Amino acid sequence: MEIHRFEKLWLVASLLLIAGFVATIVYGAVGAGVAMVDNSGGQVAASDPTASSDFRDPGVYQTGDGEYDVYVVARQFSFTPGSGTPIRVPEGSEVTFHIASRDVTHGFNVVGTNLNTMVIPGQVAQLTVEFDDARSYHVACNEYCGAAHHDMTGTIEVVPAEDFDESEVAEA
């Protein structure tokens, strides 16, 4: 049985394409550090995350010198804090976000950065980032959460350290 040279070419091209897809998935899972949402951030009551002892009231808390924890509650169709009042942190600080959903699955994507996670009811998504530049960042929900999903946005304001007002930080 003889296989035509064009059939051989298509067979080789198909196998290379499949190998490329597998390599892309392996790189994303291992090399780039992409990980699935897990319960490392803890679990909370899905209907009221702030009732849990593992989750504080929404706001910015100083945990050390240049270290801040930000507790955010996502609900249709806003982030608290973030949507009505911006999340304000000083530049050069290490910020750990703890994000919980009150109702449905949401996304928390800081536009222009690699800060992106799913926010699943009952789970606390936890992300740590260092903001080096004083600027404003846009936060968007990137998981469809209902009819007004397109309006679910927020703001993170990274301000120069000398302009940061410590009175904006909640008591730990």
N, C-alpha and C. Protein backbone atom coordinates (compact mmCIF):
# COMPACT_ATOMS: atom_id res chain seq x y z
N MET A 1 0.84 -1.17 0.00
CA MET A 1 0.00 0.00 0.00
C MET A 1 0.88 1.23 0.00
N GLU A 2 0.57 2.12 -0.90
CA GLU A 2 1.37 3.33 -1.03
C GLU A 2 0.55 4.52 -0.54
N ILE A 3 1.19 5.35 0.30
CA ILE A 3 0.55 6.57 0.79
C ILE A 3 1.09 7.74 -0.03
N HIS A 4 0.19 8.51 -0.56
CA HIS A 4 0.56 9.65 -1.40
C HIS A 4 1.35 10.66 -0.58
N ARG A 5 2.26 11.37 -1.22
CA ARG A 5 3.13 12.30 -0.49
C ARG A 5 2.34 13.43 0.16
N PHE A 6 1.22 13.89 -0.45
CA PHE A 6 0.42 14.94 0.18
C PHE A 6 -0.31 14.42 1.42
N GLU A 7 -0.70 13.16 1.40
CA GLU A 7 -1.31 12.56 2.58
C GLU A 7 -0.30 12.46 3.71
N LYS A 8 0.93 12.13 3.37
CA LYS A 8 2.01 12.09 4.37
C LYS A 8 2.23 13.49 4.95
N LEU A 9 2.24 14.49 4.08
CA LEU A 9 2.45 15.88 4.52
C LEU A 9 1.35 16.31 5.49
N TRP A 10 0.08 16.03 5.14
CA TRP A 10 -1.03 16.39 6.01
C TRP A 10 -0.98 15.62 7.33
N LEU A 11 -0.58 14.37 7.29
CA LEU A 11 -0.45 13.57 8.50
C LEU A 11 0.61 14.17 9.43
N VAL A 12 1.76 14.50 8.88
CA VAL A 12 2.84 15.09 9.68
C VAL A 12 2.41 16.45 10.22
N ALA A 13 1.78 17.27 9.37
CA ALA A 13 1.32 18.60 9.82
C ALA A 13 0.30 18.46 10.95
N SER A 14 -0.62 17.51 10.85
CA SER A 14 -1.63 17.29 11.90
C SER A 14 -0.98 16.86 13.21
N LEU A 15 -0.03 15.96 13.14
CA LEU A 15 0.66 15.50 14.34
C LEU A 15 1.46 16.62 14.99
N LEU A 16 2.10 17.46 14.19
CA LEU A 16 2.83 18.61 14.72
C LEU A 16 1.89 19.60 15.40
N LEU A 17 0.72 19.81 14.81
CA LEU A 17 -0.27 20.71 15.40
C LEU A 17 -0.76 20.17 16.74
N ILE A 18 -1.04 18.88 16.81
CA ILE A 18 -1.47 18.28 18.07
C ILE A 18 -0.36 18.38 19.12
N ALA A 19 0.87 18.11 18.73
CA ALA A 19 2.01 18.24 19.66
C ALA A 19 2.15 19.69 20.13
N GLY A 20 1.92 20.64 19.25
CA GLY A 20 1.98 22.06 19.63
C GLY A 20 0.91 22.43 20.64
N PHE A 21 -0.31 21.92 20.45
CA PHE A 21 -1.39 22.18 21.40
C PHE A 21 -1.06 21.60 22.77
N VAL A 22 -0.58 20.37 22.80
CA VAL A 22 -0.21 19.74 24.07
C VAL A 22 0.91 20.52 24.75
N ALA A 23 1.92 20.95 23.99
CA ALA A 23 3.02 21.74 24.55
C ALA A 23 2.51 23.05 25.13
N THR A 24 1.55 23.70 24.48
CA THR A 24 0.99 24.95 24.98
C THR A 24 0.29 24.72 26.32
N ILE A 25 -0.47 23.66 26.43
CA ILE A 25 -1.18 23.35 27.68
C ILE A 25 -0.18 23.04 28.79
N VAL A 26 0.84 22.28 28.50
CA VAL A 26 1.86 21.94 29.50
C VAL A 26 2.59 23.20 29.95
N TYR A 27 2.94 24.07 29.01
CA TYR A 27 3.62 25.32 29.38
C TYR A 27 2.73 26.18 30.27
N GLY A 28 1.44 26.30 29.93
CA GLY A 28 0.53 27.10 30.73
C GLY A 28 0.36 26.56 32.13
N ALA A 29 0.37 25.24 32.27
CA ALA A 29 0.16 24.62 33.58
C ALA A 29 1.43 24.60 34.42
N VAL A 30 2.59 24.49 33.79
CA VAL A 30 3.84 24.34 34.53
C VAL A 30 4.70 25.59 34.44
N GLY A 31 5.01 26.02 33.24
CA GLY A 31 5.96 27.11 33.04
C GLY A 31 5.45 28.47 33.45
N ALA A 32 4.22 28.80 33.08
CA ALA A 32 3.70 30.14 33.36
C ALA A 32 3.07 30.25 34.74
N GLY A 33 2.92 29.15 35.43
CA GLY A 33 2.37 29.18 36.79
C GLY A 33 0.88 29.38 36.84
N VAL A 34 0.16 29.05 35.79
CA VAL A 34 -1.29 29.15 35.79
C VAL A 34 -1.83 28.05 36.69
N ALA A 35 -2.72 28.43 37.60
CA ALA A 35 -3.26 27.45 38.53
C ALA A 35 -4.77 27.60 38.64
N MET A 36 -5.42 26.55 39.00
CA MET A 36 -6.86 26.58 39.21
C MET A 36 -7.16 27.18 40.57
N VAL A 37 -8.36 27.71 40.72
CA VAL A 37 -8.80 28.22 42.01
C VAL A 37 -8.93 27.03 42.96
N ASP A 38 -8.36 27.18 44.15
CA ASP A 38 -8.47 26.11 45.14
C ASP A 38 -8.94 26.72 46.46
N ASN A 39 -8.92 25.94 47.51
CA ASN A 39 -9.39 26.44 48.79
C ASN A 39 -8.26 26.94 49.69
N SER A 40 -7.12 27.30 49.13
CA SER A 40 -6.01 27.79 49.95
C SER A 40 -6.34 29.12 50.61
N GLY A 41 -7.26 29.88 50.04
CA GLY A 41 -7.67 31.15 50.64
C GLY A 41 -8.69 30.97 51.75
N GLY A 42 -9.26 29.79 51.84
CA GLY A 42 -10.24 29.50 52.88
C GLY A 42 -11.64 29.41 52.31
N GLN A 43 -12.55 29.05 53.17
CA GLN A 43 -13.95 28.96 52.79
C GLN A 43 -14.77 29.86 53.69
N VAL A 44 -15.86 30.40 53.12
CA VAL A 44 -16.73 31.30 53.85
C VAL A 44 -18.18 30.93 53.54
N ALA A 45 -19.09 31.52 54.31
CA ALA A 45 -20.51 31.35 54.02
C ALA A 45 -20.81 32.06 52.71
N ALA A 46 -21.37 31.36 51.76
CA ALA A 46 -21.59 31.94 50.43
C ALA A 46 -22.56 33.12 50.47
N SER A 47 -23.55 33.10 51.34
CA SER A 47 -24.53 34.18 51.37
C SER A 47 -24.02 35.43 52.08
N ASP A 48 -23.09 35.27 53.03
CA ASP A 48 -22.53 36.42 53.74
C ASP A 48 -21.08 36.13 54.12
N PRO A 49 -20.14 36.42 53.20
CA PRO A 49 -18.73 36.12 53.47
C PRO A 49 -18.17 36.80 54.72
N THR A 50 -18.69 37.99 55.06
CA THR A 50 -18.14 38.73 56.20
C THR A 50 -18.55 38.12 57.54
N ALA A 51 -19.48 37.16 57.54
CA ALA A 51 -19.87 36.49 58.78
C ALA A 51 -18.84 35.46 59.21
N SER A 52 -17.94 35.09 58.32
CA SER A 52 -16.93 34.08 58.62
C SER A 52 -15.76 34.70 59.37
N SER A 53 -15.18 33.92 60.27
CA SER A 53 -14.01 34.41 61.01
C SER A 53 -12.77 34.47 60.12
N ASP A 54 -12.81 33.79 58.96
CA ASP A 54 -11.67 33.80 58.04
C ASP A 54 -11.69 34.97 57.07
N PHE A 55 -12.72 35.79 57.14
CA PHE A 55 -12.85 36.88 56.18
C PHE A 55 -13.29 38.13 56.93
N ARG A 56 -12.52 39.20 56.77
CA ARG A 56 -12.83 40.45 57.47
C ARG A 56 -13.85 41.25 56.70
N ASP A 57 -14.29 42.33 57.34
CA ASP A 57 -15.14 43.27 56.63
C ASP A 57 -14.35 43.85 55.46
N PRO A 58 -15.01 44.15 54.36
CA PRO A 58 -14.32 44.67 53.18
C PRO A 58 -13.53 45.94 53.51
N GLY A 59 -12.32 46.02 52.98
CA GLY A 59 -11.49 47.20 53.19
C GLY A 59 -10.01 46.86 53.11
N VAL A 60 -9.18 47.87 53.37
CA VAL A 60 -7.73 47.74 53.32
C VAL A 60 -7.22 47.67 54.75
N TYR A 61 -6.36 46.69 55.04
CA TYR A 61 -5.79 46.49 56.36
C TYR A 61 -4.27 46.42 56.23
N GLN A 62 -3.54 47.14 57.10
CA GLN A 62 -2.09 47.06 57.10
C GLN A 62 -1.68 45.88 57.97
N THR A 63 -0.85 44.99 57.41
CA THR A 63 -0.43 43.80 58.14
C THR A 63 1.04 43.82 58.51
N GLY A 64 1.77 44.76 57.99
CA GLY A 64 3.19 44.87 58.28
C GLY A 64 3.73 46.12 57.61
N ASP A 65 5.04 46.30 57.69
CA ASP A 65 5.65 47.47 57.06
C ASP A 65 5.62 47.30 55.54
N GLY A 66 4.80 48.09 54.88
CA GLY A 66 4.68 48.00 53.43
C GLY A 66 3.87 46.81 52.95
N GLU A 67 3.10 46.20 53.86
CA GLU A 67 2.28 45.04 53.51
C GLU A 67 0.82 45.33 53.88
N TYR A 68 -0.06 45.03 52.94
CA TYR A 68 -1.47 45.32 53.13
C TYR A 68 -2.30 44.13 52.68
N ASP A 69 -3.41 43.88 53.40
CA ASP A 69 -4.42 42.92 52.99
C ASP A 69 -5.64 43.70 52.57
N VAL A 70 -6.21 43.35 51.43
CA VAL A 70 -7.42 44.00 50.93
C VAL A 70 -8.51 42.93 50.84
N TYR A 71 -9.60 43.15 51.57
CA TYR A 71 -10.72 42.23 51.56
C TYR A 71 -11.81 42.83 50.67
N VAL A 72 -12.20 42.08 49.64
CA VAL A 72 -13.16 42.56 48.65
C VAL A 72 -14.32 41.57 48.58
N VAL A 73 -15.55 42.10 48.56
CA VAL A 73 -16.74 41.27 48.35
C VAL A 73 -17.29 41.62 46.97
N ALA A 74 -17.44 40.60 46.14
CA ALA A 74 -18.04 40.79 44.82
C ALA A 74 -19.49 40.36 44.90
N ARG A 75 -20.35 41.19 44.33
CA ARG A 75 -21.77 40.83 44.23
C ARG A 75 -22.32 41.49 42.99
N GLN A 76 -23.43 40.98 42.51
CA GLN A 76 -24.01 41.56 41.31
C GLN A 76 -24.34 43.01 41.60
N PHE A 77 -23.84 43.94 41.04
CA PHE A 77 -22.88 44.10 39.96
C PHE A 77 -21.83 45.11 40.41
N SER A 78 -21.14 44.81 41.52
CA SER A 78 -20.15 45.73 42.07
C SER A 78 -19.14 44.99 42.93
N PHE A 79 -18.02 45.68 43.18
CA PHE A 79 -17.00 45.22 44.12
C PHE A 79 -17.04 46.16 45.32
N THR A 80 -16.97 45.61 46.54
CA THR A 80 -16.93 46.43 47.75
C THR A 80 -15.68 46.08 48.52
N PRO A 81 -14.72 46.99 48.67
CA PRO A 81 -14.61 48.29 48.00
C PRO A 81 -14.15 48.10 46.56
N GLY A 82 -14.11 49.17 45.83
CA GLY A 82 -13.62 49.13 44.46
C GLY A 82 -14.55 49.81 43.49
N SER A 83 -15.86 49.57 43.59
CA SER A 83 -16.79 50.15 42.63
C SER A 83 -17.22 51.55 43.06
N GLY A 84 -17.77 51.69 44.25
CA GLY A 84 -18.20 53.01 44.73
C GLY A 84 -17.03 53.85 45.18
N THR A 85 -16.18 53.27 46.00
CA THR A 85 -14.96 53.93 46.46
C THR A 85 -13.77 53.11 45.99
N PRO A 86 -12.75 53.75 45.45
CA PRO A 86 -11.61 52.99 44.94
C PRO A 86 -10.81 52.35 46.08
N ILE A 87 -10.12 51.28 45.74
CA ILE A 87 -9.18 50.65 46.67
C ILE A 87 -7.89 51.46 46.57
N ARG A 88 -7.44 52.04 47.69
CA ARG A 88 -6.24 52.88 47.67
C ARG A 88 -5.13 52.21 48.47
N VAL A 89 -3.97 52.05 47.81
CA VAL A 89 -2.80 51.47 48.46
C VAL A 89 -1.58 52.29 48.05
N PRO A 90 -0.53 52.31 48.89
CA PRO A 90 0.68 53.06 48.53
C PRO A 90 1.55 52.29 47.55
N GLU A 91 2.28 53.02 46.71
CA GLU A 91 3.17 52.38 45.75
C GLU A 91 4.31 51.69 46.49
N GLY A 92 4.83 50.65 45.88
CA GLY A 92 5.93 49.90 46.47
C GLY A 92 5.50 48.95 47.57
N SER A 93 4.21 48.80 47.77
CA SER A 93 3.74 47.92 48.84
C SER A 93 3.33 46.56 48.28
N GLU A 94 3.38 45.57 49.15
CA GLU A 94 2.92 44.23 48.79
C GLU A 94 1.48 44.10 49.26
N VAL A 95 0.60 43.81 48.31
CA VAL A 95 -0.83 43.77 48.60
C VAL A 95 -1.36 42.36 48.35
N THR A 96 -2.04 41.81 49.36
CA THR A 96 -2.69 40.51 49.22
C THR A 96 -4.19 40.75 49.18
N PHE A 97 -4.79 40.36 48.06
CA PHE A 97 -6.24 40.48 47.90
C PHE A 97 -6.91 39.21 48.37
N HIS A 98 -7.98 39.37 49.15
CA HIS A 98 -8.84 38.27 49.58
C HIS A 98 -10.21 38.62 49.02
N ILE A 99 -10.69 37.83 48.06
CA ILE A 99 -11.92 38.19 47.36
C ILE A 99 -12.93 37.08 47.52
N ALA A 100 -14.15 37.44 47.91
CA ALA A 100 -15.22 36.46 48.08
C ALA A 100 -16.46 36.96 47.34
N SER A 101 -17.29 36.01 46.91
CA SER A 101 -18.53 36.35 46.22
C SER A 101 -19.71 36.14 47.14
N ARG A 102 -20.66 37.03 47.05
CA ARG A 102 -21.86 36.94 47.86
C ARG A 102 -22.99 36.20 47.15
N ASP A 103 -22.90 36.06 45.80
CA ASP A 103 -24.05 35.50 45.11
C ASP A 103 -23.70 34.50 44.00
N VAL A 104 -23.03 34.91 42.96
CA VAL A 104 -22.72 34.04 41.82
C VAL A 104 -21.22 34.08 41.54
N THR A 105 -20.77 33.29 40.58
CA THR A 105 -19.36 33.30 40.21
C THR A 105 -19.04 34.61 39.50
N HIS A 106 -17.97 35.26 39.95
CA HIS A 106 -17.50 36.51 39.36
C HIS A 106 -16.04 36.33 38.95
N GLY A 107 -15.52 37.34 38.29
CA GLY A 107 -14.10 37.40 37.98
C GLY A 107 -13.53 38.65 38.62
N PHE A 108 -12.24 38.63 38.89
CA PHE A 108 -11.52 39.80 39.41
C PHE A 108 -10.28 39.94 38.56
N ASN A 109 -10.32 40.86 37.61
CA ASN A 109 -9.23 41.05 36.67
C ASN A 109 -8.74 42.49 36.76
N VAL A 110 -7.47 42.66 37.13
CA VAL A 110 -6.88 43.99 37.14
C VAL A 110 -6.29 44.20 35.75
N VAL A 111 -6.95 45.05 34.98
CA VAL A 111 -6.64 45.24 33.57
C VAL A 111 -5.21 45.75 33.39
N GLY A 112 -4.50 45.14 32.46
CA GLY A 112 -3.13 45.54 32.16
C GLY A 112 -2.09 44.84 33.02
N THR A 113 -2.53 43.92 33.88
CA THR A 113 -1.61 43.15 34.72
C THR A 113 -1.94 41.67 34.54
N ASN A 114 -1.18 40.81 35.20
CA ASN A 114 -1.51 39.39 35.18
C ASN A 114 -2.30 38.98 36.42
N LEU A 115 -2.90 39.93 37.09
CA LEU A 115 -3.72 39.67 38.27
C LEU A 115 -5.14 39.35 37.82
N ASN A 116 -5.52 38.08 37.93
CA ASN A 116 -6.79 37.63 37.40
C ASN A 116 -7.20 36.35 38.12
N THR A 117 -8.45 36.30 38.61
CA THR A 117 -8.92 35.09 39.27
C THR A 117 -10.43 34.97 39.15
N MET A 118 -10.91 33.76 39.34
CA MET A 118 -12.35 33.51 39.47
C MET A 118 -12.71 33.66 40.94
N VAL A 119 -13.89 34.20 41.18
CA VAL A 119 -14.38 34.36 42.55
C VAL A 119 -15.64 33.50 42.66
N ILE A 120 -15.51 32.39 43.37
CA ILE A 120 -16.56 31.39 43.46
C ILE A 120 -17.25 31.51 44.82
N PRO A 121 -18.59 31.52 44.85
CA PRO A 121 -19.29 31.61 46.15
C PRO A 121 -18.83 30.51 47.11
N GLY A 122 -18.56 30.90 48.35
CA GLY A 122 -18.11 29.95 49.36
C GLY A 122 -16.60 29.81 49.44
N GLN A 123 -15.86 30.32 48.46
CA GLN A 123 -14.40 30.24 48.44
C GLN A 123 -13.81 31.65 48.54
N VAL A 124 -12.63 31.76 49.10
CA VAL A 124 -11.91 33.03 49.13
C VAL A 124 -10.75 32.92 48.15
N ALA A 125 -10.77 33.74 47.12
CA ALA A 125 -9.66 33.79 46.17
C ALA A 125 -8.59 34.68 46.77
N GLN A 126 -7.35 34.23 46.74
CA GLN A 126 -6.26 34.97 47.37
C GLN A 126 -5.16 35.21 46.35
N LEU A 127 -4.76 36.47 46.18
CA LEU A 127 -3.72 36.87 45.23
C LEU A 127 -2.80 37.87 45.90
N THR A 128 -1.51 37.75 45.65
CA THR A 128 -0.55 38.72 46.19
C THR A 128 0.17 39.38 45.03
N VAL A 129 0.30 40.70 45.11
CA VAL A 129 0.93 41.48 44.04
C VAL A 129 1.69 42.64 44.66
N GLU A 130 2.68 43.12 43.95
CA GLU A 130 3.42 44.30 44.38
C GLU A 130 3.19 45.39 43.34
N PHE A 131 2.66 46.52 43.79
CA PHE A 131 2.42 47.65 42.90
C PHE A 131 3.60 48.61 43.01
N ASP A 132 4.39 48.71 41.94
CA ASP A 132 5.59 49.55 41.95
C ASP A 132 5.35 50.97 41.47
N ASP A 133 4.35 51.15 40.60
CA ASP A 133 4.12 52.47 40.01
C ASP A 133 2.83 53.08 40.54
N ALA A 134 2.90 54.37 40.84
CA ALA A 134 1.71 55.09 41.27
C ALA A 134 0.87 55.38 40.03
N ARG A 135 -0.30 54.77 39.99
CA ARG A 135 -1.23 54.97 38.88
C ARG A 135 -2.57 54.37 39.25
N SER A 136 -3.53 54.53 38.39
CA SER A 136 -4.85 53.98 38.61
C SER A 136 -5.02 52.72 37.76
N TYR A 137 -5.57 51.67 38.37
CA TYR A 137 -5.80 50.41 37.68
C TYR A 137 -7.31 50.17 37.59
N HIS A 138 -7.74 49.65 36.47
CA HIS A 138 -9.15 49.32 36.25
C HIS A 138 -9.37 47.86 36.64
N VAL A 139 -10.43 47.60 37.39
CA VAL A 139 -10.80 46.24 37.78
C VAL A 139 -12.08 45.88 37.03
N ALA A 140 -12.10 44.70 36.43
CA ALA A 140 -13.27 44.26 35.69
C ALA A 140 -13.66 42.85 36.09
N CYS A 141 -14.94 42.58 36.05
CA CYS A 141 -15.44 41.22 36.23
C CYS A 141 -15.38 40.56 34.86
N ASN A 142 -14.66 39.45 34.77
CA ASN A 142 -14.52 38.78 33.47
C ASN A 142 -15.23 37.43 33.43
N GLU A 143 -16.17 37.21 34.35
CA GLU A 143 -17.02 36.03 34.33
C GLU A 143 -18.46 36.54 34.25
N TYR A 144 -19.19 36.08 33.25
CA TYR A 144 -20.56 36.58 33.08
C TYR A 144 -21.37 36.29 34.35
N CYS A 145 -21.94 37.36 34.93
CA CYS A 145 -22.63 37.23 36.21
C CYS A 145 -24.06 37.74 36.17
N GLY A 146 -24.55 38.13 35.02
CA GLY A 146 -25.93 38.58 34.94
C GLY A 146 -26.10 39.71 33.94
N ALA A 147 -27.31 40.27 33.91
CA ALA A 147 -27.68 41.25 32.88
C ALA A 147 -26.82 42.52 32.91
N ALA A 148 -26.37 42.95 34.07
CA ALA A 148 -25.58 44.18 34.16
C ALA A 148 -24.08 43.87 34.34
N HIS A 149 -23.66 42.69 33.91
CA HIS A 149 -22.27 42.28 34.04
C HIS A 149 -21.31 43.30 33.44
N HIS A 150 -21.69 43.90 32.32
CA HIS A 150 -20.82 44.85 31.64
C HIS A 150 -20.56 46.11 32.47
N ASP A 151 -21.38 46.37 33.49
CA ASP A 151 -21.18 47.53 34.36
C ASP A 151 -20.39 47.20 35.62
N MET A 152 -19.99 45.95 35.80
CA MET A 152 -19.29 45.55 37.03
C MET A 152 -17.81 45.87 36.90
N THR A 153 -17.46 47.06 37.33
CA THR A 153 -16.08 47.53 37.25
C THR A 153 -15.68 48.15 38.59
N GLY A 154 -14.41 48.38 38.73
CA GLY A 154 -13.89 49.03 39.93
C GLY A 154 -12.56 49.68 39.64
N THR A 155 -11.96 50.25 40.68
CA THR A 155 -10.71 50.98 40.54
C THR A 155 -9.78 50.69 41.70
N ILE A 156 -8.51 50.51 41.38
CA ILE A 156 -7.45 50.45 42.39
C ILE A 156 -6.56 51.65 42.15
N GLU A 157 -6.42 52.50 43.14
CA GLU A 157 -5.54 53.67 43.03
C GLU A 157 -4.27 53.41 43.83
N VAL A 158 -3.16 53.34 43.11
CA VAL A 158 -1.86 53.20 43.76
C VAL A 158 -1.29 54.61 43.82
N VAL A 159 -1.13 55.12 45.03
CA VAL A 159 -0.70 56.51 45.22
C VAL A 159 0.73 56.54 45.73
N PRO A 160 1.45 57.65 45.48
CA PRO A 160 2.80 57.77 46.05
C PRO A 160 2.75 57.61 47.56
N ALA A 161 3.77 56.98 48.11
CA ALA A 161 3.79 56.68 49.55
C ALA A 161 3.58 57.92 50.40
N GLU A 162 4.15 59.05 49.99
CA GLU A 162 4.00 60.27 50.78
C GLU A 162 2.58 60.85 50.72
N ASP A 163 1.80 60.46 49.73
CA ASP A 163 0.42 60.94 49.60
C ASP A 163 -0.60 59.97 50.20
N PHE A 164 -0.12 58.81 50.65
CA PHE A 164 -1.04 57.82 51.19
C PHE A 164 -1.48 58.23 52.58
N ASP A 165 -2.78 58.24 52.81
CA ASP A 165 -3.35 58.63 54.10
C ASP A 165 -3.61 57.37 54.92
N GLU A 166 -2.87 57.22 56.01
CA GLU A 166 -3.00 56.02 56.87
C GLU A 166 -4.39 55.90 57.50
N SER A 167 -5.14 57.01 57.54
CA SER A 167 -6.49 56.94 58.14
C SER A 167 -7.46 56.17 57.25
N GLU A 168 -7.08 55.93 55.98
CA GLU A 168 -7.92 55.15 55.08
C GLU A 168 -7.83 53.66 55.36
N VAL A 169 -6.83 53.25 56.14
CA VAL A 169 -6.61 51.84 56.44
C VAL A 169 -7.46 51.46 57.65
N ALA A 170 -8.18 50.35 57.54
CA ALA A 170 -9.03 49.88 58.65
C ALA A 170 -8.15 49.32 59.76
N GLU A 171 -8.70 49.28 60.94
CA GLU A 171 -8.00 48.72 62.10
C GLU A 171 -7.90 47.21 61.95
N ALA A 172 -6.71 46.67 62.17
CA ALA A 172 -6.52 45.22 62.02
C ALA A 172 -7.00 44.46 63.18
